[in-house]
Amino acid sequence: GKTTTLSMLTRDLNPTAGDAFIAKHSILSDFCKGATHLGVVTQHNSLWDRLSVEQHLYLFARLRGVPEEVVKEIVEGTIDQLELNPHRHKLAMRLS
């Protein structure tokens, strides 16, 4: 039930009937606007072994539609807030 519901909310599956709304936006007719309010972390590792911590943050910022002119500022702020500076260039495969 939960996996199916999340799969429909993220448009991995199409519902056979009905509609769902995210922040008042239909997943069927206005998904892009609703999706900006979603953040789903799967139970599987969503990191790529050969990307660094910093590269992952740049990638996910861009995938989430962060405006390019503020991507660097957001990445730097996240690294500082999470105290990741000593690890920013480590590959995901080297993280514990």
PDB file of N, CA and C in Angstrom:
ATOM      1  N   GLY A   1       0.787  -1.208   0.000  1.00  0.00           N
ATOM      2  CA  GLY A   1       0.000   0.000   0.000  1.00  0.00           C
ATOM      3  C   GLY A   1       0.824   1.264   0.000  1.00  0.00           C
ATOM      4  N   LYS A   2       1.797   1.378   0.945  1.00  0.00           N
ATOM      5  CA  LYS A   2       2.582   2.619   1.037  1.00  0.00           C
ATOM      6  C   LYS A   2       3.441   2.821  -0.204  1.00  0.00           C
ATOM      7  N   THR A   3       4.105   1.758  -0.644  1.00  0.00           N
ATOM      8  CA  THR A   3       4.978   1.879  -1.816  1.00  0.00           C
ATOM      9  C   THR A   3       4.174   2.232  -3.049  1.00  0.00           C
ATOM     10  N   THR A   4       3.022   1.610  -3.213  1.00  0.00           N
ATOM     11  CA  THR A   4       2.163   1.907  -4.362  1.00  0.00           C
ATOM     12  C   THR A   4       1.690   3.355  -4.314  1.00  0.00           C
ATOM     13  N   THR A   5       1.277   3.804  -3.149  1.00  0.00           N
ATOM     14  CA  THR A   5       0.814   5.193  -3.003  1.00  0.00           C
ATOM     15  C   THR A   5       1.926   6.173  -3.346  1.00  0.00           C
ATOM     16  N   LEU A   6       3.112   5.966  -2.785  1.00  0.00           N
ATOM     17  CA  LEU A   6       4.237   6.865  -3.094  1.00  0.00           C
ATOM     18  C   LEU A   6       4.600   6.802  -4.569  1.00  0.00           C
ATOM     19  N   SER A   7       4.520   5.632  -5.154  1.00  0.00           N
ATOM     20  CA  SER A   7       4.829   5.488  -6.581  1.00  0.00           C
ATOM     21  C   SER A   7       3.833   6.270  -7.432  1.00  0.00           C
ATOM     22  N   MET A   8       2.587   6.309  -7.019  1.00  0.00           N
ATOM     23  CA  MET A   8       1.593   7.104  -7.745  1.00  0.00           C
ATOM     24  C   MET A   8       1.825   8.598  -7.524  1.00  0.00           C
ATOM     25  N   LEU A   9       2.145   8.986  -6.303  1.00  0.00           N
ATOM     26  CA  LEU A   9       2.381  10.405  -6.012  1.00  0.00           C
ATOM     27  C   LEU A   9       3.593  10.945  -6.764  1.00  0.00           C
ATOM     28  N   THR A  10       4.571  10.097  -7.024  1.00  0.00           N
ATOM     29  CA  THR A  10       5.775  10.536  -7.729  1.00  0.00           C
ATOM     30  C   THR A  10       5.708  10.231  -9.220  1.00  0.00           C
ATOM     31  N   ARG A  11       4.564   9.721  -9.683  1.00  0.00           N
ATOM     32  CA  ARG A  11       4.283   9.420 -11.079  1.00  0.00           C
ATOM     33  C   ARG A  11       5.124   8.263 -11.623  1.00  0.00           C
ATOM     34  N   ASP A  12       5.631   7.412 -10.745  1.00  0.00           N
ATOM     35  CA  ASP A  12       6.275   6.184 -11.209  1.00  0.00           C
ATOM     36  C   ASP A  12       5.219   5.194 -11.682  1.00  0.00           C
ATOM     37  N   LEU A  13       4.023   5.287 -11.114  1.00  0.00           N
ATOM     38  CA  LEU A  13       2.861   4.489 -11.523  1.00  0.00           C
ATOM     39  C   LEU A  13       1.701   5.424 -11.797  1.00  0.00           C
ATOM     40  N   ASN A  14       0.900   5.084 -12.780  1.00  0.00           N
ATOM     41  CA  ASN A  14      -0.313   5.861 -13.038  1.00  0.00           C
ATOM     42  C   ASN A  14      -1.469   5.253 -12.257  1.00  0.00           C
ATOM     43  N   PRO A  15      -2.242   6.065 -11.552  1.00  0.00           N
ATOM     44  CA  PRO A  15      -3.399   5.518 -10.837  1.00  0.00           C
ATOM     45  C   PRO A  15      -4.440   4.990 -11.827  1.00  0.00           C
ATOM     46  N   THR A  16      -5.107   3.918 -11.443  1.00  0.00           N
ATOM     47  CA  THR A  16      -6.148   3.362 -12.316  1.00  0.00           C
ATOM     48  C   THR A  16      -7.452   4.139 -12.170  1.00  0.00           C
ATOM     49  N   ALA A  17      -7.597   4.866 -11.082  1.00  0.00           N
ATOM     50  CA  ALA A  17      -8.790   5.682 -10.860  1.00  0.00           C
ATOM     51  C   ALA A  17      -8.448   6.784  -9.867  1.00  0.00           C
ATOM     52  N   GLY A  18      -9.166   7.874  -9.944  1.00  0.00           N
ATOM     53  CA  GLY A  18      -9.011   8.946  -8.968  1.00  0.00           C
ATOM     54  C   GLY A  18      -7.825   9.844  -9.243  1.00  0.00           C
ATOM     55  N   ASP A  19      -7.576  10.732  -8.307  1.00  0.00           N
ATOM     56  CA  ASP A  19      -6.512  11.723  -8.410  1.00  0.00           C
ATOM     57  C   ASP A  19      -5.994  11.977  -6.999  1.00  0.00           C
ATOM     58  N   ALA A  20      -4.841  12.546  -6.902  1.00  0.00           N
ATOM     59  CA  ALA A  20      -4.284  12.954  -5.617  1.00  0.00           C
ATOM     60  C   ALA A  20      -3.733  14.366  -5.794  1.00  0.00           C
ATOM     61  N   PHE A  21      -3.626  15.079  -4.685  1.00  0.00           N
ATOM     62  CA  PHE A  21      -3.191  16.462  -4.742  1.00  0.00           C
ATOM     63  C   PHE A  21      -2.023  16.679  -3.798  1.00  0.00           C
ATOM     64  N   ILE A  22      -1.051  17.429  -4.280  1.00  0.00           N
ATOM     65  CA  ILE A  22       0.107  17.812  -3.479  1.00  0.00           C
ATOM     66  C   ILE A  22       0.109  19.332  -3.453  1.00  0.00           C
ATOM     67  N   ALA A  23      -0.065  19.895  -2.269  1.00  0.00           N
ATOM     68  CA  ALA A  23      -0.149  21.356  -2.119  1.00  0.00           C
ATOM     69  C   ALA A  23      -1.174  21.934  -3.101  1.00  0.00           C
ATOM     70  N   LYS A  24      -2.323  21.289  -3.187  1.00  0.00           N
ATOM     71  CA  LYS A  24      -3.455  21.695  -4.020  1.00  0.00           C
ATOM     72  C   LYS A  24      -3.223  21.526  -5.523  1.00  0.00           C
ATOM     73  N   HIS A  25      -2.170  20.797  -5.920  1.00  0.00           N
ATOM     74  CA  HIS A  25      -1.884  20.569  -7.331  1.00  0.00           C
ATOM     75  C   HIS A  25      -2.143  19.098  -7.653  1.00  0.00           C
ATOM     76  N   SER A  26      -2.921  18.864  -8.708  1.00  0.00           N
ATOM     77  CA  SER A  26      -3.253  17.513  -9.139  1.00  0.00           C
ATOM     78  C   SER A  26      -2.006  16.790  -9.640  1.00  0.00           C
ATOM     79  N   ILE A  27      -1.839  15.522  -9.231  1.00  0.00           N
ATOM     80  CA  ILE A  27      -0.704  14.757  -9.751  1.00  0.00           C
ATOM     81  C   ILE A  27      -0.928  14.385 -11.216  1.00  0.00           C
ATOM     82  N   LEU A  28      -2.172  14.453 -11.670  1.00  0.00           N
ATOM     83  CA  LEU A  28      -2.475  14.097 -13.057  1.00  0.00           C
ATOM     84  C   LEU A  28      -2.352  15.282 -14.014  1.00  0.00           C
ATOM     85  N   SER A  29      -2.801  16.447 -13.587  1.00  0.00           N
ATOM     86  CA  SER A  29      -2.822  17.584 -14.516  1.00  0.00           C
ATOM     87  C   SER A  29      -1.842  18.701 -14.184  1.00  0.00           C
ATOM     88  N   ASP A  30      -1.258  18.684 -12.995  1.00  0.00           N
ATOM     89  CA  ASP A  30      -0.360  19.778 -12.587  1.00  0.00           C
ATOM     90  C   ASP A  30       0.808  19.233 -11.764  1.00  0.00           C
ATOM     91  N   PHE A  31       1.333  18.091 -12.203  1.00  0.00           N
ATOM     92  CA  PHE A  31       2.347  17.392 -11.413  1.00  0.00           C
ATOM     93  C   PHE A  31       3.590  18.244 -11.149  1.00  0.00           C
ATOM     94  N   CYS A  32       4.079  18.953 -12.154  1.00  0.00           N
ATOM     95  CA  CYS A  32       5.330  19.700 -11.991  1.00  0.00           C
ATOM     96  C   CYS A  32       5.261  20.706 -10.838  1.00  0.00           C
ATOM     97  N   LYS A  33       4.134  21.385 -10.706  1.00  0.00           N
ATOM     98  CA  LYS A  33       4.005  22.347  -9.597  1.00  0.00           C
ATOM     99  C   LYS A  33       3.906  21.629  -8.258  1.00  0.00           C
ATOM    100  N   GLY A  34       3.162  20.549  -8.216  1.00  0.00           N
ATOM    101  CA  GLY A  34       3.056  19.784  -6.976  1.00  0.00           C
ATOM    102  C   GLY A  34       4.363  19.144  -6.580  1.00  0.00           C
ATOM    103  N   ALA A  35       5.121  18.675  -7.565  1.00  0.00           N
ATOM    104  CA  ALA A  35       6.373  17.968  -7.302  1.00  0.00           C
ATOM    105  C   ALA A  35       7.409  18.850  -6.611  1.00  0.00           C
ATOM    106  N   THR A  36       7.284  20.159  -6.767  1.00  0.00           N
ATOM    107  CA  THR A  36       8.250  21.038  -6.098  1.00  0.00           C
ATOM    108  C   THR A  36       8.094  20.990  -4.578  1.00  0.00           C
ATOM    109  N   HIS A  37       7.002  20.411  -4.111  1.00  0.00           N
ATOM    110  CA  HIS A  37       6.758  20.287  -2.677  1.00  0.00           C
ATOM    111  C   HIS A  37       7.089  18.885  -2.156  1.00  0.00           C
ATOM    112  N   LEU A  38       7.622  18.033  -3.025  1.00  0.00           N
ATOM    113  CA  LEU A  38       7.923  16.652  -2.646  1.00  0.00           C
ATOM    114  C   LEU A  38       9.397  16.459  -2.378  1.00  0.00           C
ATOM    115  N   GLY A  39       9.678  15.571  -1.473  1.00  0.00           N
ATOM    116  CA  GLY A  39      11.030  15.083  -1.253  1.00  0.00           C
ATOM    117  C   GLY A  39      10.924  13.650  -0.786  1.00  0.00           C
ATOM    118  N   VAL A  40      11.353  12.731  -1.612  1.00  0.00           N
ATOM    119  CA  VAL A  40      11.224  11.318  -1.271  1.00  0.00           C
ATOM    120  C   VAL A  40      12.612  10.703  -1.209  1.00  0.00           C
ATOM    121  N   VAL A  41      12.906  10.056  -0.116  1.00  0.00           N
ATOM    122  CA  VAL A  41      14.158   9.323   0.034  1.00  0.00           C
ATOM    123  C   VAL A  41      13.800   7.851   0.070  1.00  0.00           C
ATOM    124  N   THR A  42      14.285   7.117  -0.898  1.00  0.00           N
ATOM    125  CA  THR A  42      13.955   5.698  -0.961  1.00  0.00           C
ATOM    126  C   THR A  42      14.760   4.916   0.063  1.00  0.00           C
ATOM    127  N   GLN A  43      14.360   3.682   0.289  1.00  0.00           N
ATOM    128  CA  GLN A  43      15.098   2.845   1.235  1.00  0.00           C
ATOM    129  C   GLN A  43      16.401   2.352   0.633  1.00  0.00           C
ATOM    130  N   HIS A  44      16.551   2.519  -0.670  1.00  0.00           N
ATOM    131  CA  HIS A  44      17.777   2.104  -1.341  1.00  0.00           C
ATOM    132  C   HIS A  44      18.733   3.278  -1.416  1.00  0.00           C
ATOM    133  N   ASN A  45      20.014   2.988  -1.462  1.00  0.00           N
ATOM    134  CA  ASN A  45      21.032   4.026  -1.540  1.00  0.00           C
ATOM    135  C   ASN A  45      20.878   4.797  -2.844  1.00  0.00           C
ATOM    136  N   SER A  46      20.703   6.093  -2.754  1.00  0.00           N
ATOM    137  CA  SER A  46      20.534   6.900  -3.959  1.00  0.00           C
ATOM    138  C   SER A  46      21.793   7.715  -4.257  1.00  0.00           C
ATOM    139  N   LEU A  47      22.941   7.234  -3.772  1.00  0.00           N
ATOM    140  CA  LEU A  47      24.214   7.894  -4.057  1.00  0.00           C
ATOM    141  C   LEU A  47      24.971   7.098  -5.115  1.00  0.00           C
ATOM    142  N   TRP A  48      25.731   7.809  -5.916  1.00  0.00           N
ATOM    143  CA  TRP A  48      26.570   7.167  -6.920  1.00  0.00           C
ATOM    144  C   TRP A  48      27.987   7.084  -6.381  1.00  0.00           C
ATOM    145  N   ASP A  49      28.542   5.889  -6.390  1.00  0.00           N
ATOM    146  CA  ASP A  49      29.840   5.613  -5.780  1.00  0.00           C
ATOM    147  C   ASP A  49      30.956   6.554  -6.223  1.00  0.00           C
ATOM    148  N   ARG A  50      30.954   6.935  -7.474  1.00  0.00           N
ATOM    149  CA  ARG A  50      32.076   7.701  -8.011  1.00  0.00           C
ATOM    150  C   ARG A  50      31.836   9.213  -8.052  1.00  0.00           C
ATOM    151  N   LEU A  51      30.816   9.666  -7.345  1.00  0.00           N
ATOM    152  CA  LEU A  51      30.604  11.106  -7.170  1.00  0.00           C
ATOM    153  C   LEU A  51      30.967  11.482  -5.745  1.00  0.00           C
ATOM    154  N   SER A  52      31.529  12.670  -5.586  1.00  0.00           N
ATOM    155  CA  SER A  52      31.876  13.161  -4.247  1.00  0.00           C
ATOM    156  C   SER A  52      30.632  13.719  -3.553  1.00  0.00           C
ATOM    157  N   VAL A  53      30.796  14.013  -2.280  1.00  0.00           N
ATOM    158  CA  VAL A  53      29.730  14.654  -1.505  1.00  0.00           C
ATOM    159  C   VAL A  53      29.300  15.944  -2.209  1.00  0.00           C
ATOM    160  N   GLU A  54      30.267  16.761  -2.564  1.00  0.00           N
ATOM    161  CA  GLU A  54      29.987  18.034  -3.222  1.00  0.00           C
ATOM    162  C   GLU A  54      29.295  17.835  -4.575  1.00  0.00           C
ATOM    163  N   GLN A  55      29.773  16.886  -5.360  1.00  0.00           N
ATOM    164  CA  GLN A  55      29.155  16.620  -6.661  1.00  0.00           C
ATOM    165  C   GLN A  55      27.710  16.162  -6.513  1.00  0.00           C
ATOM    166  N   HIS A  56      27.425  15.360  -5.494  1.00  0.00           N
ATOM    167  CA  HIS A  56      26.048  14.938  -5.244  1.00  0.00           C
ATOM    168  C   HIS A  56      25.160  16.141  -4.937  1.00  0.00           C
ATOM    169  N   LEU A  57      25.657  17.057  -4.115  1.00  0.00           N
ATOM    170  CA  LEU A  57      24.857  18.234  -3.763  1.00  0.00           C
ATOM    171  C   LEU A  57      24.573  19.100  -4.986  1.00  0.00           C
ATOM    172  N   TYR A  58      25.575  19.280  -5.844  1.00  0.00           N
ATOM    173  CA  TYR A  58      25.348  20.031  -7.082  1.00  0.00           C
ATOM    174  C   TYR A  58      24.324  19.317  -7.964  1.00  0.00           C
ATOM    175  N   LEU A  59      24.479  18.008  -8.112  1.00  0.00           N
ATOM    176  CA  LEU A  59      23.568  17.222  -8.939  1.00  0.00           C
ATOM    177  C   LEU A  59      22.130  17.325  -8.434  1.00  0.00           C
ATOM    178  N   PHE A  60      21.932  17.073  -7.134  1.00  0.00           N
ATOM    179  CA  PHE A  60      20.574  17.077  -6.599  1.00  0.00           C
ATOM    180  C   PHE A  60      19.963  18.473  -6.600  1.00  0.00           C
ATOM    181  N   ALA A  61      20.775  19.505  -6.390  1.00  0.00           N
ATOM    182  CA  ALA A  61      20.254  20.879  -6.475  1.00  0.00           C
ATOM    183  C   ALA A  61      19.711  21.135  -7.874  1.00  0.00           C
ATOM    184  N   ARG A  62      20.478  20.738  -8.879  1.00  0.00           N
ATOM    185  CA  ARG A  62      20.037  20.962 -10.261  1.00  0.00           C
ATOM    186  C   ARG A  62      18.829  20.098 -10.611  1.00  0.00           C
ATOM    187  N   LEU A  63      18.824  18.849 -10.158  1.00  0.00           N
ATOM    188  CA  LEU A  63      17.676  17.980 -10.414  1.00  0.00           C
ATOM    189  C   LEU A  63      16.408  18.528  -9.771  1.00  0.00           C
ATOM    190  N   ARG A  64      16.556  19.175  -8.630  1.00  0.00           N
ATOM    191  CA  ARG A  64      15.391  19.736  -7.929  1.00  0.00           C
ATOM    192  C   ARG A  64      14.989  21.099  -8.480  1.00  0.00           C
ATOM    193  N   GLY A  65      15.717  21.594  -9.461  1.00  0.00           N
ATOM    194  CA  GLY A  65      15.325  22.844 -10.100  1.00  0.00           C
ATOM    195  C   GLY A  65      15.780  24.107  -9.398  1.00  0.00           C
ATOM    196  N   VAL A  66      16.811  23.994  -8.564  1.00  0.00           N
ATOM    197  CA  VAL A  66      17.355  25.198  -7.918  1.00  0.00           C
ATOM    198  C   VAL A  66      17.914  26.098  -9.025  1.00  0.00           C
ATOM    199  N   PRO A  67      17.574  27.372  -9.022  1.00  0.00           N
ATOM    200  CA  PRO A  67      18.091  28.272 -10.057  1.00  0.00           C
ATOM    201  C   PRO A  67      19.626  28.263 -10.074  1.00  0.00           C
ATOM    202  N   GLU A  68      20.186  28.179 -11.268  1.00  0.00           N
ATOM    203  CA  GLU A  68      21.640  28.025 -11.423  1.00  0.00           C
ATOM    204  C   GLU A  68      22.425  29.108 -10.703  1.00  0.00           C
ATOM    205  N   GLU A  69      21.883  30.315 -10.662  1.00  0.00           N
ATOM    206  CA  GLU A  69      22.636  31.422 -10.047  1.00  0.00           C
ATOM    207  C   GLU A  69      22.784  31.280  -8.529  1.00  0.00           C
ATOM    208  N   VAL A  70      22.020  30.381  -7.906  1.00  0.00           N
ATOM    209  CA  VAL A  70      22.159  30.186  -6.460  1.00  0.00           C
ATOM    210  C   VAL A  70      22.616  28.779  -6.082  1.00  0.00           C
ATOM    211  N   VAL A  71      22.872  27.924  -7.076  1.00  0.00           N
ATOM    212  CA  VAL A  71      23.282  26.545  -6.781  1.00  0.00           C
ATOM    213  C   VAL A  71      24.537  26.519  -5.916  1.00  0.00           C
ATOM    214  N   LYS A  72      25.576  27.251  -6.306  1.00  0.00           N
ATOM    215  CA  LYS A  72      26.837  27.238  -5.556  1.00  0.00           C
ATOM    216  C   LYS A  72      26.620  27.692  -4.113  1.00  0.00           C
ATOM    217  N   GLU A  73      25.854  28.757  -3.934  1.00  0.00           N
ATOM    218  CA  GLU A  73      25.568  29.282  -2.595  1.00  0.00           C
ATOM    219  C   GLU A  73      24.845  28.234  -1.739  1.00  0.00           C
ATOM    220  N   ILE A  74      23.873  27.544  -2.328  1.00  0.00           N
ATOM    221  CA  ILE A  74      23.121  26.512  -1.611  1.00  0.00           C
ATOM    222  C   ILE A  74      24.035  25.349  -1.236  1.00  0.00           C
ATOM    223  N   VAL A  75      24.857  24.906  -2.188  1.00  0.00           N
ATOM    224  CA  VAL A  75      25.772  23.787  -1.924  1.00  0.00           C
ATOM    225  C   VAL A  75      26.750  24.161  -0.817  1.00  0.00           C
ATOM    226  N   GLU A  76      27.352  25.334  -0.913  1.00  0.00           N
ATOM    227  CA  GLU A  76      28.315  25.767   0.108  1.00  0.00           C
ATOM    228  C   GLU A  76      27.643  25.883   1.478  1.00  0.00           C
ATOM    229  N   GLY A  77      26.447  26.458   1.507  1.00  0.00           N
ATOM    230  CA  GLY A  77      25.717  26.593   2.767  1.00  0.00           C
ATOM    231  C   GLY A  77      25.377  25.245   3.376  1.00  0.00           C
ATOM    232  N   THR A  78      24.984  24.284   2.539  1.00  0.00           N
ATOM    233  CA  THR A  78      24.654  22.942   3.031  1.00  0.00           C
ATOM    234  C   THR A  78      25.890  22.260   3.596  1.00  0.00           C
ATOM    235  N   ILE A  79      27.002  22.361   2.884  1.00  0.00           N
ATOM    236  CA  ILE A  79      28.251  21.760   3.370  1.00  0.00           C
ATOM    237  C   ILE A  79      28.647  22.368   4.712  1.00  0.00           C
ATOM    238  N   ASP A  80      28.525  23.679   4.834  1.00  0.00           N
ATOM    239  CA  ASP A  80      28.861  24.352   6.107  1.00  0.00           C
ATOM    240  C   ASP A  80      27.905  23.936   7.225  1.00  0.00           C
ATOM    241  N   GLN A  81      26.588  23.979   6.957  1.00  0.00           N
ATOM    242  CA  GLN A  81      25.592  23.650   7.985  1.00  0.00           C
ATOM    243  C   GLN A  81      25.737  22.214   8.486  1.00  0.00           C
ATOM    244  N   LEU A  82      26.067  21.307   7.591  1.00  0.00           N
ATOM    245  CA  LEU A  82      26.180  19.896   7.975  1.00  0.00           C
ATOM    246  C   LEU A  82      27.595  19.504   8.364  1.00  0.00           C
ATOM    247  N   GLU A  83      28.488  20.509   8.426  1.00  0.00           N
ATOM    248  CA  GLU A  83      29.883  20.300   8.807  1.00  0.00           C
ATOM    249  C   GLU A  83      30.548  19.211   7.965  1.00  0.00           C
ATOM    250  N   LEU A  84      30.338  19.308   6.663  1.00  0.00           N
ATOM    251  CA  LEU A  84      30.871  18.317   5.722  1.00  0.00           C
ATOM    252  C   LEU A  84      32.163  18.762   5.035  1.00  0.00           C
ATOM    253  N   ASN A  85      32.695  19.913   5.428  1.00  0.00           N
ATOM    254  CA  ASN A  85      33.895  20.408   4.762  1.00  0.00           C
ATOM    255  C   ASN A  85      35.023  19.378   4.682  1.00  0.00           C
ATOM    256  N   PRO A  86      35.328  18.631   5.765  1.00  0.00           N
ATOM    257  CA  PRO A  86      36.414  17.642   5.662  1.00  0.00           C
ATOM    258  C   PRO A  86      36.093  16.499   4.694  1.00  0.00           C
ATOM    259  N   HIS A  87      34.827  16.360   4.316  1.00  0.00           N
ATOM    260  CA  HIS A  87      34.408  15.221   3.494  1.00  0.00           C
ATOM    261  C   HIS A  87      33.916  15.622   2.106  1.00  0.00           C
ATOM    262  N   ARG A  88      33.921  16.888   1.797  1.00  0.00           N
ATOM    263  CA  ARG A  88      33.293  17.388   0.572  1.00  0.00           C
ATOM    264  C   ARG A  88      33.828  16.745  -0.700  1.00  0.00           C
ATOM    265  N   HIS A  89      35.107  16.343  -0.721  1.00  0.00           N
ATOM    266  CA  HIS A  89      35.692  15.761  -1.932  1.00  0.00           C
ATOM    267  C   HIS A  89      35.769  14.241  -1.871  1.00  0.00           C
ATOM    268  N   LYS A  90      35.286  13.656  -0.795  1.00  0.00           N
ATOM    269  CA  LYS A  90      35.293  12.193  -0.686  1.00  0.00           C
ATOM    270  C   LYS A  90      34.257  11.593  -1.620  1.00  0.00           C
ATOM    271  N   LEU A  91      34.651  10.492  -2.246  1.00  0.00           N
ATOM    272  CA  LEU A  91      33.690   9.753  -3.074  1.00  0.00           C
ATOM    273  C   LEU A  91      32.695   9.039  -2.179  1.00  0.00           C
ATOM    274  N   ALA A  92      31.467   8.881  -2.663  1.00  0.00           N
ATOM    275  CA  ALA A  92      30.432   8.201  -1.885  1.00  0.00           C
ATOM    276  C   ALA A  92      30.889   6.816  -1.455  1.00  0.00           C
ATOM    277  N   MET A  93      31.653   6.131  -2.303  1.00  0.00           N
ATOM    278  CA  MET A  93      32.120   4.780  -1.955  1.00  0.00           C
ATOM    279  C   MET A  93      33.069   4.777  -0.754  1.00  0.00           C
ATOM    280  N   ARG A  94      33.598   5.955  -0.417  1.00  0.00           N
ATOM    281  CA  ARG A  94      34.537   6.063   0.721  1.00  0.00           C
ATOM    282  C   ARG A  94      33.860   6.533   2.007  1.00  0.00           C
ATOM    283  N   LEU A  95      32.563   6.806   1.931  1.00  0.00           N
ATOM    284  CA  LEU A  95      31.833   7.238   3.124  1.00  0.00           C
ATOM    285  C   LEU A  95      31.366   6.041   3.920  1.00  0.00           C
ATOM    286  N   SER A  96      31.316   6.192   5.233  1.00  0.00           N
ATOM    287  CA  SER A  96      30.852   5.056   6.051  1.00  0.00           C
ATOM    288  C   SER A  96      29.378   5.166   6.325  1.00  0.00           C
TER     289      SER A  96
END
